[in-house]
Amino acid sequence: MVDLKKVQEDYLLLLQLVQSEMAMNTSVESLFNYLKSKEGHFTHFDQNFNSKDLLEFIRSVNRYADEFLFSDQNNTQIRKLMNSLYENLG
């Protein structure tokens, strides 16, 4: 069973960390915008909730994130959050 509260918390923290990266690396803005495009799906769950759709989105985010170099202070946590989301939705 998907822990929706954990998914929401991890997603919002991931969004926050990627946003903080933009102050150091403006190229990360495209990743932030991509993540933000599905915010409603990660924060407002309804009867149409589909974990497989969100899982596919996180897969694509993970692949897209490989194109960026994150700061040492955020890299590990960003990767852990993506993995946590993947595991919780899988």
PDB file of N, CA and C in Angstrom:
ATOM      1  N   MET A   1       0.834  -1.186   0.000  1.00  0.00           N
ATOM      2  CA  MET A   1       0.000   0.000   0.000  1.00  0.00           C
ATOM      3  C   MET A   1       0.882   1.254   0.000  1.00  0.00           C
ATOM      4  N   VAL A   2       0.488   2.230  -0.765  1.00  0.00           N
ATOM      5  CA  VAL A   2       1.245   3.470  -0.903  1.00  0.00           C
ATOM      6  C   VAL A   2       0.989   4.366   0.306  1.00  0.00           C
ATOM      7  N   ASP A   3       2.067   4.841   0.915  1.00  0.00           N
ATOM      8  CA  ASP A   3       1.980   5.782   2.035  1.00  0.00           C
ATOM      9  C   ASP A   3       1.886   7.188   1.436  1.00  0.00           C
ATOM     10  N   LEU A   4       0.658   7.674   1.258  1.00  0.00           N
ATOM     11  CA  LEU A   4       0.431   8.938   0.567  1.00  0.00           C
ATOM     12  C   LEU A   4       1.055  10.125   1.295  1.00  0.00           C
ATOM     13  N   LYS A   5       1.024  10.089   2.616  1.00  0.00           N
ATOM     14  CA  LYS A   5       1.617  11.182   3.392  1.00  0.00           C
ATOM     15  C   LYS A   5       3.127  11.245   3.146  1.00  0.00           C
ATOM     16  N   LYS A   6       3.777  10.100   3.126  1.00  0.00           N
ATOM     17  CA  LYS A   6       5.223  10.031   2.879  1.00  0.00           C
ATOM     18  C   LYS A   6       5.546  10.490   1.452  1.00  0.00           C
ATOM     19  N   VAL A   7       4.742  10.082   0.496  1.00  0.00           N
ATOM     20  CA  VAL A   7       4.931  10.500  -0.893  1.00  0.00           C
ATOM     21  C   VAL A   7       4.828  12.021  -0.990  1.00  0.00           C
ATOM     22  N   GLN A   8       3.810  12.580  -0.362  1.00  0.00           N
ATOM     23  CA  GLN A   8       3.619  14.027  -0.392  1.00  0.00           C
ATOM     24  C   GLN A   8       4.799  14.754   0.262  1.00  0.00           C
ATOM     25  N   GLU A   9       5.213  14.295   1.430  1.00  0.00           N
ATOM     26  CA  GLU A   9       6.333  14.927   2.140  1.00  0.00           C
ATOM     27  C   GLU A   9       7.624  14.849   1.327  1.00  0.00           C
ATOM     28  N   ASP A  10       7.918  13.681   0.781  1.00  0.00           N
ATOM     29  CA  ASP A  10       9.142  13.510  -0.008  1.00  0.00           C
ATOM     30  C   ASP A  10       9.119  14.379  -1.262  1.00  0.00           C
ATOM     31  N   TYR A  11       7.971  14.421  -1.921  1.00  0.00           N
ATOM     32  CA  TYR A  11       7.855  15.235  -3.132  1.00  0.00           C
ATOM     33  C   TYR A  11       8.082  16.714  -2.813  1.00  0.00           C
ATOM     34  N   LEU A  12       7.432  17.210  -1.774  1.00  0.00           N
ATOM     35  CA  LEU A  12       7.570  18.628  -1.429  1.00  0.00           C
ATOM     36  C   LEU A  12       8.996  18.970  -1.011  1.00  0.00           C
ATOM     37  N   LEU A  13       9.647  18.069  -0.299  1.00  0.00           N
ATOM     38  CA  LEU A  13      11.038  18.300   0.086  1.00  0.00           C
ATOM     39  C   LEU A  13      11.950  18.268  -1.144  1.00  0.00           C
ATOM     40  N   LEU A  14      11.698  17.342  -2.051  1.00  0.00           N
ATOM     41  CA  LEU A  14      12.470  17.281  -3.291  1.00  0.00           C
ATOM     42  C   LEU A  14      12.306  18.581  -4.077  1.00  0.00           C
ATOM     43  N   LEU A  15      11.095  19.048  -4.178  1.00  0.00           N
ATOM     44  CA  LEU A  15      10.817  20.302  -4.874  1.00  0.00           C
ATOM     45  C   LEU A  15      11.582  21.458  -4.222  1.00  0.00           C
ATOM     46  N   GLN A  16      11.571  21.493  -2.916  1.00  0.00           N
ATOM     47  CA  GLN A  16      12.260  22.543  -2.165  1.00  0.00           C
ATOM     48  C   GLN A  16      13.779  22.488  -2.397  1.00  0.00           C
ATOM     49  N   LEU A  17      14.346  21.296  -2.362  1.00  0.00           N
ATOM     50  CA  LEU A  17      15.791  21.153  -2.569  1.00  0.00           C
ATOM     51  C   LEU A  17      16.206  21.548  -3.985  1.00  0.00           C
ATOM     52  N   VAL A  18      15.431  21.138  -4.959  1.00  0.00           N
ATOM     53  CA  VAL A  18      15.754  21.494  -6.341  1.00  0.00           C
ATOM     54  C   VAL A  18      15.616  23.010  -6.523  1.00  0.00           C
ATOM     55  N   GLN A  19      14.632  23.594  -5.878  1.00  0.00           N
ATOM     56  CA  GLN A  19      14.481  25.047  -5.949  1.00  0.00           C
ATOM     57  C   GLN A  19      15.691  25.750  -5.326  1.00  0.00           C
ATOM     58  N   SER A  20      16.184  25.241  -4.220  1.00  0.00           N
ATOM     59  CA  SER A  20      17.360  25.854  -3.594  1.00  0.00           C
ATOM     60  C   SER A  20      18.600  25.705  -4.477  1.00  0.00           C
ATOM     61  N   GLU A  21      18.642  24.652  -5.271  1.00  0.00           N
ATOM     62  CA  GLU A  21      19.756  24.458  -6.207  1.00  0.00           C
ATOM     63  C   GLU A  21      19.774  25.544  -7.282  1.00  0.00           C
ATOM     64  N   MET A  22      18.614  26.072  -7.622  1.00  0.00           N
ATOM     65  CA  MET A  22      18.542  27.090  -8.674  1.00  0.00           C
ATOM     66  C   MET A  22      19.342  28.337  -8.307  1.00  0.00           C
ATOM     67  N   ALA A  23      19.498  28.615  -7.014  1.00  0.00           N
ATOM     68  CA  ALA A  23      20.289  29.774  -6.591  1.00  0.00           C
ATOM     69  C   ALA A  23      21.760  29.595  -6.960  1.00  0.00           C
ATOM     70  N   MET A  24      22.203  28.349  -7.035  1.00  0.00           N
ATOM     71  CA  MET A  24      23.602  28.058  -7.346  1.00  0.00           C
ATOM     72  C   MET A  24      23.811  27.664  -8.805  1.00  0.00           C
ATOM     73  N   ASN A  25      22.754  27.149  -9.425  1.00  0.00           N
ATOM     74  CA  ASN A  25      22.870  26.625 -10.779  1.00  0.00           C
ATOM     75  C   ASN A  25      21.539  26.849 -11.498  1.00  0.00           C
ATOM     76  N   THR A  26      21.471  27.886 -12.294  1.00  0.00           N
ATOM     77  CA  THR A  26      20.206  28.245 -12.938  1.00  0.00           C
ATOM     78  C   THR A  26      19.730  27.208 -13.954  1.00  0.00           C
ATOM     79  N   SER A  27      20.613  26.356 -14.438  1.00  0.00           N
ATOM     80  CA  SER A  27      20.188  25.336 -15.405  1.00  0.00           C
ATOM     81  C   SER A  27      19.227  24.328 -14.781  1.00  0.00           C
ATOM     82  N   VAL A  28      19.216  24.243 -13.461  1.00  0.00           N
ATOM     83  CA  VAL A  28      18.344  23.306 -12.752  1.00  0.00           C
ATOM     84  C   VAL A  28      16.881  23.760 -12.814  1.00  0.00           C
ATOM     85  N   GLU A  29      16.658  24.983 -13.264  1.00  0.00           N
ATOM     86  CA  GLU A  29      15.292  25.505 -13.335  1.00  0.00           C
ATOM     87  C   GLU A  29      14.394  24.630 -14.200  1.00  0.00           C
ATOM     88  N   SER A  30      14.922  24.085 -15.271  1.00  0.00           N
ATOM     89  CA  SER A  30      14.094  23.228 -16.132  1.00  0.00           C
ATOM     90  C   SER A  30      13.655  21.963 -15.393  1.00  0.00           C
ATOM     91  N   LEU A  31      14.517  21.411 -14.560  1.00  0.00           N
ATOM     92  CA  LEU A  31      14.132  20.250 -13.755  1.00  0.00           C
ATOM     93  C   LEU A  31      13.079  20.654 -12.733  1.00  0.00           C
ATOM     94  N   PHE A  32      13.271  21.795 -12.102  1.00  0.00           N
ATOM     95  CA  PHE A  32      12.293  22.297 -11.135  1.00  0.00           C
ATOM     96  C   PHE A  32      10.925  22.464 -11.803  1.00  0.00           C
ATOM     97  N   ASN A  33      10.896  23.079 -12.969  1.00  0.00           N
ATOM     98  CA  ASN A  33       9.626  23.279 -13.677  1.00  0.00           C
ATOM     99  C   ASN A  33       8.977  21.949 -14.039  1.00  0.00           C
ATOM    100  N   TYR A  34       9.785  20.990 -14.428  1.00  0.00           N
ATOM    101  CA  TYR A  34       9.266  19.659 -14.754  1.00  0.00           C
ATOM    102  C   TYR A  34       8.657  19.015 -13.509  1.00  0.00           C
ATOM    103  N   LEU A  35       9.367  19.076 -12.395  1.00  0.00           N
ATOM    104  CA  LEU A  35       8.838  18.534 -11.138  1.00  0.00           C
ATOM    105  C   LEU A  35       7.551  19.245 -10.738  1.00  0.00           C
ATOM    106  N   LYS A  36       7.554  20.549 -10.846  1.00  0.00           N
ATOM    107  CA  LYS A  36       6.417  21.374 -10.426  1.00  0.00           C
ATOM    108  C   LYS A  36       5.179  21.095 -11.277  1.00  0.00           C
ATOM    109  N   SER A  37       5.377  20.637 -12.502  1.00  0.00           N
ATOM    110  CA  SER A  37       4.251  20.401 -13.414  1.00  0.00           C
ATOM    111  C   SER A  37       3.273  19.347 -12.894  1.00  0.00           C
ATOM    112  N   LYS A  38       3.726  18.489 -11.999  1.00  0.00           N
ATOM    113  CA  LYS A  38       2.858  17.435 -11.454  1.00  0.00           C
ATOM    114  C   LYS A  38       2.540  17.654  -9.978  1.00  0.00           C
ATOM    115  N   GLU A  39       2.773  18.859  -9.479  1.00  0.00           N
ATOM    116  CA  GLU A  39       2.598  19.115  -8.050  1.00  0.00           C
ATOM    117  C   GLU A  39       1.222  18.685  -7.541  1.00  0.00           C
ATOM    118  N   GLY A  40       0.187  19.010  -8.262  1.00  0.00           N
ATOM    119  CA  GLY A  40      -1.158  18.647  -7.835  1.00  0.00           C
ATOM    120  C   GLY A  40      -1.359  17.149  -7.678  1.00  0.00           C
ATOM    121  N   HIS A  41      -0.685  16.376  -8.498  1.00  0.00           N
ATOM    122  CA  HIS A  41      -0.801  14.917  -8.429  1.00  0.00           C
ATOM    123  C   HIS A  41      -0.125  14.346  -7.187  1.00  0.00           C
ATOM    124  N   PHE A  42       0.848  15.075  -6.646  1.00  0.00           N
ATOM    125  CA  PHE A  42       1.579  14.611  -5.467  1.00  0.00           C
ATOM    126  C   PHE A  42       1.054  15.216  -4.167  1.00  0.00           C
ATOM    127  N   THR A  43       0.193  16.219  -4.270  1.00  0.00           N
ATOM    128  CA  THR A  43      -0.274  16.888  -3.056  1.00  0.00           C
ATOM    129  C   THR A  43      -1.773  16.776  -2.829  1.00  0.00           C
ATOM    130  N   HIS A  44      -2.525  16.432  -3.852  1.00  0.00           N
ATOM    131  CA  HIS A  44      -3.984  16.299  -3.725  1.00  0.00           C
ATOM    132  C   HIS A  44      -4.411  14.961  -4.321  1.00  0.00           C
ATOM    133  N   PHE A  45      -4.549  13.994  -3.457  1.00  0.00           N
ATOM    134  CA  PHE A  45      -4.914  12.653  -3.903  1.00  0.00           C
ATOM    135  C   PHE A  45      -6.432  12.513  -3.879  1.00  0.00           C
ATOM    136  N   ASP A  46      -6.983  11.942  -4.936  1.00  0.00           N
ATOM    137  CA  ASP A  46      -8.425  11.715  -4.988  1.00  0.00           C
ATOM    138  C   ASP A  46      -8.693  10.293  -5.477  1.00  0.00           C
ATOM    139  N   GLN A  47      -9.927  10.025  -5.821  1.00  0.00           N
ATOM    140  CA  GLN A  47     -10.297   8.674  -6.243  1.00  0.00           C
ATOM    141  C   GLN A  47      -9.635   8.284  -7.558  1.00  0.00           C
ATOM    142  N   ASN A  48      -9.121   9.244  -8.293  1.00  0.00           N
ATOM    143  CA  ASN A  48      -8.438   8.958  -9.556  1.00  0.00           C
ATOM    144  C   ASN A  48      -6.940   8.741  -9.379  1.00  0.00           C
ATOM    145  N   PHE A  49      -6.475   8.668  -8.125  1.00  0.00           N
ATOM    146  CA  PHE A  49      -5.055   8.491  -7.838  1.00  0.00           C
ATOM    147  C   PHE A  49      -4.540   7.220  -8.509  1.00  0.00           C
ATOM    148  N   ASN A  50      -3.436   7.363  -9.216  1.00  0.00           N
ATOM    149  CA  ASN A  50      -2.827   6.225  -9.901  1.00  0.00           C
ATOM    150  C   ASN A  50      -1.331   6.227  -9.598  1.00  0.00           C
ATOM    151  N   SER A  51      -0.915   5.336  -8.724  1.00  0.00           N
ATOM    152  CA  SER A  51       0.491   5.302  -8.323  1.00  0.00           C
ATOM    153  C   SER A  51       1.403   4.944  -9.490  1.00  0.00           C
ATOM    154  N   LYS A  52       0.903   4.184 -10.452  1.00  0.00           N
ATOM    155  CA  LYS A  52       1.742   3.804 -11.598  1.00  0.00           C
ATOM    156  C   LYS A  52       2.096   5.015 -12.459  1.00  0.00           C
ATOM    157  N   ASP A  53       1.160   5.935 -12.617  1.00  0.00           N
ATOM    158  CA  ASP A  53       1.451   7.158 -13.371  1.00  0.00           C
ATOM    159  C   ASP A  53       2.518   7.989 -12.666  1.00  0.00           C
ATOM    160  N   LEU A  54       2.394   8.111 -11.345  1.00  0.00           N
ATOM    161  CA  LEU A  54       3.379   8.875 -10.583  1.00  0.00           C
ATOM    162  C   LEU A  54       4.728   8.167 -10.571  1.00  0.00           C
ATOM    163  N   LEU A  55       4.704   6.850 -10.524  1.00  0.00           N
ATOM    164  CA  LEU A  55       5.942   6.077 -10.575  1.00  0.00           C
ATOM    165  C   LEU A  55       6.672   6.327 -11.898  1.00  0.00           C
ATOM    166  N   GLU A  56       5.946   6.320 -12.990  1.00  0.00           N
ATOM    167  CA  GLU A  56       6.551   6.602 -14.298  1.00  0.00           C
ATOM    168  C   GLU A  56       7.109   8.020 -14.344  1.00  0.00           C
ATOM    169  N   PHE A  57       6.394   8.951 -13.737  1.00  0.00           N
ATOM    170  CA  PHE A  57       6.881  10.327 -13.697  1.00  0.00           C
ATOM    171  C   PHE A  57       8.189  10.407 -12.916  1.00  0.00           C
ATOM    172  N   ILE A  58       8.257   9.742 -11.765  1.00  0.00           N
ATOM    173  CA  ILE A  58       9.480   9.761 -10.957  1.00  0.00           C
ATOM    174  C   ILE A  58      10.630   9.097 -11.714  1.00  0.00           C
ATOM    175  N   ARG A  59      10.344   8.055 -12.463  1.00  0.00           N
ATOM    176  CA  ARG A  59      11.384   7.442 -13.307  1.00  0.00           C
ATOM    177  C   ARG A  59      11.947   8.467 -14.283  1.00  0.00           C
ATOM    178  N   SER A  60      11.046   9.209 -14.908  1.00  0.00           N
ATOM    179  CA  SER A  60      11.503  10.202 -15.881  1.00  0.00           C
ATOM    180  C   SER A  60      12.259  11.339 -15.200  1.00  0.00           C
ATOM    181  N   VAL A  61      11.833  11.730 -14.008  1.00  0.00           N
ATOM    182  CA  VAL A  61      12.544  12.758 -13.243  1.00  0.00           C
ATOM    183  C   VAL A  61      13.950  12.270 -12.922  1.00  0.00           C
ATOM    184  N   ASN A  62      14.051  11.030 -12.509  1.00  0.00           N
ATOM    185  CA  ASN A  62      15.347  10.455 -12.155  1.00  0.00           C
ATOM    186  C   ASN A  62      16.291  10.466 -13.361  1.00  0.00           C
ATOM    187  N   ARG A  63      15.782  10.077 -14.511  1.00  0.00           N
ATOM    188  CA  ARG A  63      16.603  10.090 -15.731  1.00  0.00           C
ATOM    189  C   ARG A  63      16.993  11.523 -16.108  1.00  0.00           C
ATOM    190  N   TYR A  64      16.037  12.425 -16.013  1.00  0.00           N
ATOM    191  CA  TYR A  64      16.294  13.825 -16.352  1.00  0.00           C
ATOM    192  C   TYR A  64      17.312  14.433 -15.385  1.00  0.00           C
ATOM    193  N   ALA A  65      17.215  14.089 -14.116  1.00  0.00           N
ATOM    194  CA  ALA A  65      18.126  14.627 -13.096  1.00  0.00           C
ATOM    195  C   ALA A  65      19.572  14.211 -13.354  1.00  0.00           C
ATOM    196  N   ASP A  66      19.764  13.103 -14.057  1.00  0.00           N
ATOM    197  CA  ASP A  66      21.125  12.657 -14.377  1.00  0.00           C
ATOM    198  C   ASP A  66      21.867  13.659 -15.264  1.00  0.00           C
ATOM    199  N   GLU A  67      21.135  14.551 -15.896  1.00  0.00           N
ATOM    200  CA  GLU A  67      21.751  15.556 -16.763  1.00  0.00           C
ATOM    201  C   GLU A  67      22.331  16.735 -15.980  1.00  0.00           C
ATOM    202  N   PHE A  68      22.075  16.790 -14.678  1.00  0.00           N
ATOM    203  CA  PHE A  68      22.478  17.936 -13.874  1.00  0.00           C
ATOM    204  C   PHE A  68      23.504  17.544 -12.820  1.00  0.00           C
ATOM    205  N   LEU A  69      24.344  18.511 -12.481  1.00  0.00           N
ATOM    206  CA  LEU A  69      25.264  18.359 -11.362  1.00  0.00           C
ATOM    207  C   LEU A  69      24.707  19.178 -10.209  1.00  0.00           C
ATOM    208  N   PHE A  70      24.403  18.500  -9.119  1.00  0.00           N
ATOM    209  CA  PHE A  70      23.878  19.181  -7.943  1.00  0.00           C
ATOM    210  C   PHE A  70      25.020  19.473  -6.982  1.00  0.00           C
ATOM    211  N   SER A  71      24.802  20.447  -6.120  1.00  0.00           N
ATOM    212  CA  SER A  71      25.821  20.792  -5.130  1.00  0.00           C
ATOM    213  C   SER A  71      26.042  19.620  -4.180  1.00  0.00           C
ATOM    214  N   ASP A  72      27.220  19.597  -3.588  1.00  0.00           N
ATOM    215  CA  ASP A  72      27.539  18.536  -2.627  1.00  0.00           C
ATOM    216  C   ASP A  72      26.553  18.518  -1.469  1.00  0.00           C
ATOM    217  N   GLN A  73      26.090  19.696  -1.064  1.00  0.00           N
ATOM    218  CA  GLN A  73      25.193  19.756   0.089  1.00  0.00           C
ATOM    219  C   GLN A  73      23.814  19.167  -0.199  1.00  0.00           C
ATOM    220  N   ASN A  74      23.378  19.159  -1.455  1.00  0.00           N
ATOM    221  CA  ASN A  74      22.031  18.675  -1.781  1.00  0.00           C
ATOM    222  C   ASN A  74      21.992  17.392  -2.598  1.00  0.00           C
ATOM    223  N   ASN A  75      23.067  17.041  -3.258  1.00  0.00           N
ATOM    224  CA  ASN A  75      23.056  15.904  -4.178  1.00  0.00           C
ATOM    225  C   ASN A  75      22.551  14.613  -3.535  1.00  0.00           C
ATOM    226  N   THR A  76      23.136  14.243  -2.418  1.00  0.00           N
ATOM    227  CA  THR A  76      22.764  12.977  -1.777  1.00  0.00           C
ATOM    228  C   THR A  76      21.300  12.970  -1.375  1.00  0.00           C
ATOM    229  N   GLN A  77      20.838  14.060  -0.799  1.00  0.00           N
ATOM    230  CA  GLN A  77      19.448  14.102  -0.345  1.00  0.00           C
ATOM    231  C   GLN A  77      18.468  14.102  -1.521  1.00  0.00           C
ATOM    232  N   ILE A  78      18.808  14.795  -2.593  1.00  0.00           N
ATOM    233  CA  ILE A  78      17.950  14.783  -3.781  1.00  0.00           C
ATOM    234  C   ILE A  78      17.829  13.362  -4.322  1.00  0.00           C
ATOM    235  N   ARG A  79      18.940  12.667  -4.432  1.00  0.00           N
ATOM    236  CA  ARG A  79      18.927  11.286  -4.944  1.00  0.00           C
ATOM    237  C   ARG A  79      18.150  10.356  -4.012  1.00  0.00           C
ATOM    238  N   LYS A  80      18.334  10.527  -2.702  1.00  0.00           N
ATOM    239  CA  LYS A  80      17.613   9.686  -1.737  1.00  0.00           C
ATOM    240  C   LYS A  80      16.109   9.913  -1.819  1.00  0.00           C
ATOM    241  N   LEU A  81      15.700  11.156  -1.973  1.00  0.00           N
ATOM    242  CA  LEU A  81      14.270  11.455  -2.073  1.00  0.00           C
ATOM    243  C   LEU A  81      13.665  10.855  -3.336  1.00  0.00           C
ATOM    244  N   MET A  82      14.377  10.934  -4.447  1.00  0.00           N
ATOM    245  CA  MET A  82      13.869  10.319  -5.674  1.00  0.00           C
ATOM    246  C   MET A  82      13.737   8.811  -5.500  1.00  0.00           C
ATOM    247  N   ASN A  83      14.723   8.193  -4.864  1.00  0.00           N
ATOM    248  CA  ASN A  83      14.653   6.753  -4.616  1.00  0.00           C
ATOM    249  C   ASN A  83      13.527   6.404  -3.658  1.00  0.00           C
ATOM    250  N   SER A  84      13.332   7.218  -2.633  1.00  0.00           N
ATOM    251  CA  SER A  84      12.253   6.980  -1.677  1.00  0.00           C
ATOM    252  C   SER A  84      10.890   7.067  -2.366  1.00  0.00           C
ATOM    253  N   LEU A  85      10.720   8.072  -3.208  1.00  0.00           N
ATOM    254  CA  LEU A  85       9.466   8.197  -3.955  1.00  0.00           C
ATOM    255  C   LEU A  85       9.256   6.983  -4.852  1.00  0.00           C
ATOM    256  N   TYR A  86      10.294   6.574  -5.524  1.00  0.00           N
ATOM    257  CA  TYR A  86      10.217   5.412  -6.403  1.00  0.00           C
ATOM    258  C   TYR A  86       9.803   4.163  -5.619  1.00  0.00           C
ATOM    259  N   GLU A  87      10.435   3.949  -4.472  1.00  0.00           N
ATOM    260  CA  GLU A  87      10.122   2.775  -3.651  1.00  0.00           C
ATOM    261  C   GLU A  87       8.703   2.838  -3.093  1.00  0.00           C
ATOM    262  N   ASN A  88       8.275   3.999  -2.641  1.00  0.00           N
ATOM    263  CA  ASN A  88       6.935   4.132  -2.071  1.00  0.00           C
ATOM    264  C   ASN A  88       5.832   3.977  -3.109  1.00  0.00           C
ATOM    265  N   LEU A  89       6.112   4.373  -4.328  1.00  0.00           N
ATOM    266  CA  LEU A  89       5.098   4.280  -5.380  1.00  0.00           C
ATOM    267  C   LEU A  89       5.122   2.934  -6.101  1.00  0.00           C
ATOM    268  N   GLY A  90       6.221   2.195  -5.960  1.00  0.00           N
ATOM    269  CA  GLY A  90       6.404   0.936  -6.686  1.00  0.00           C
ATOM    270  C   GLY A  90       5.691  -0.235  -6.138  1.00  0.00           C
TER     271      GLY A  90
END
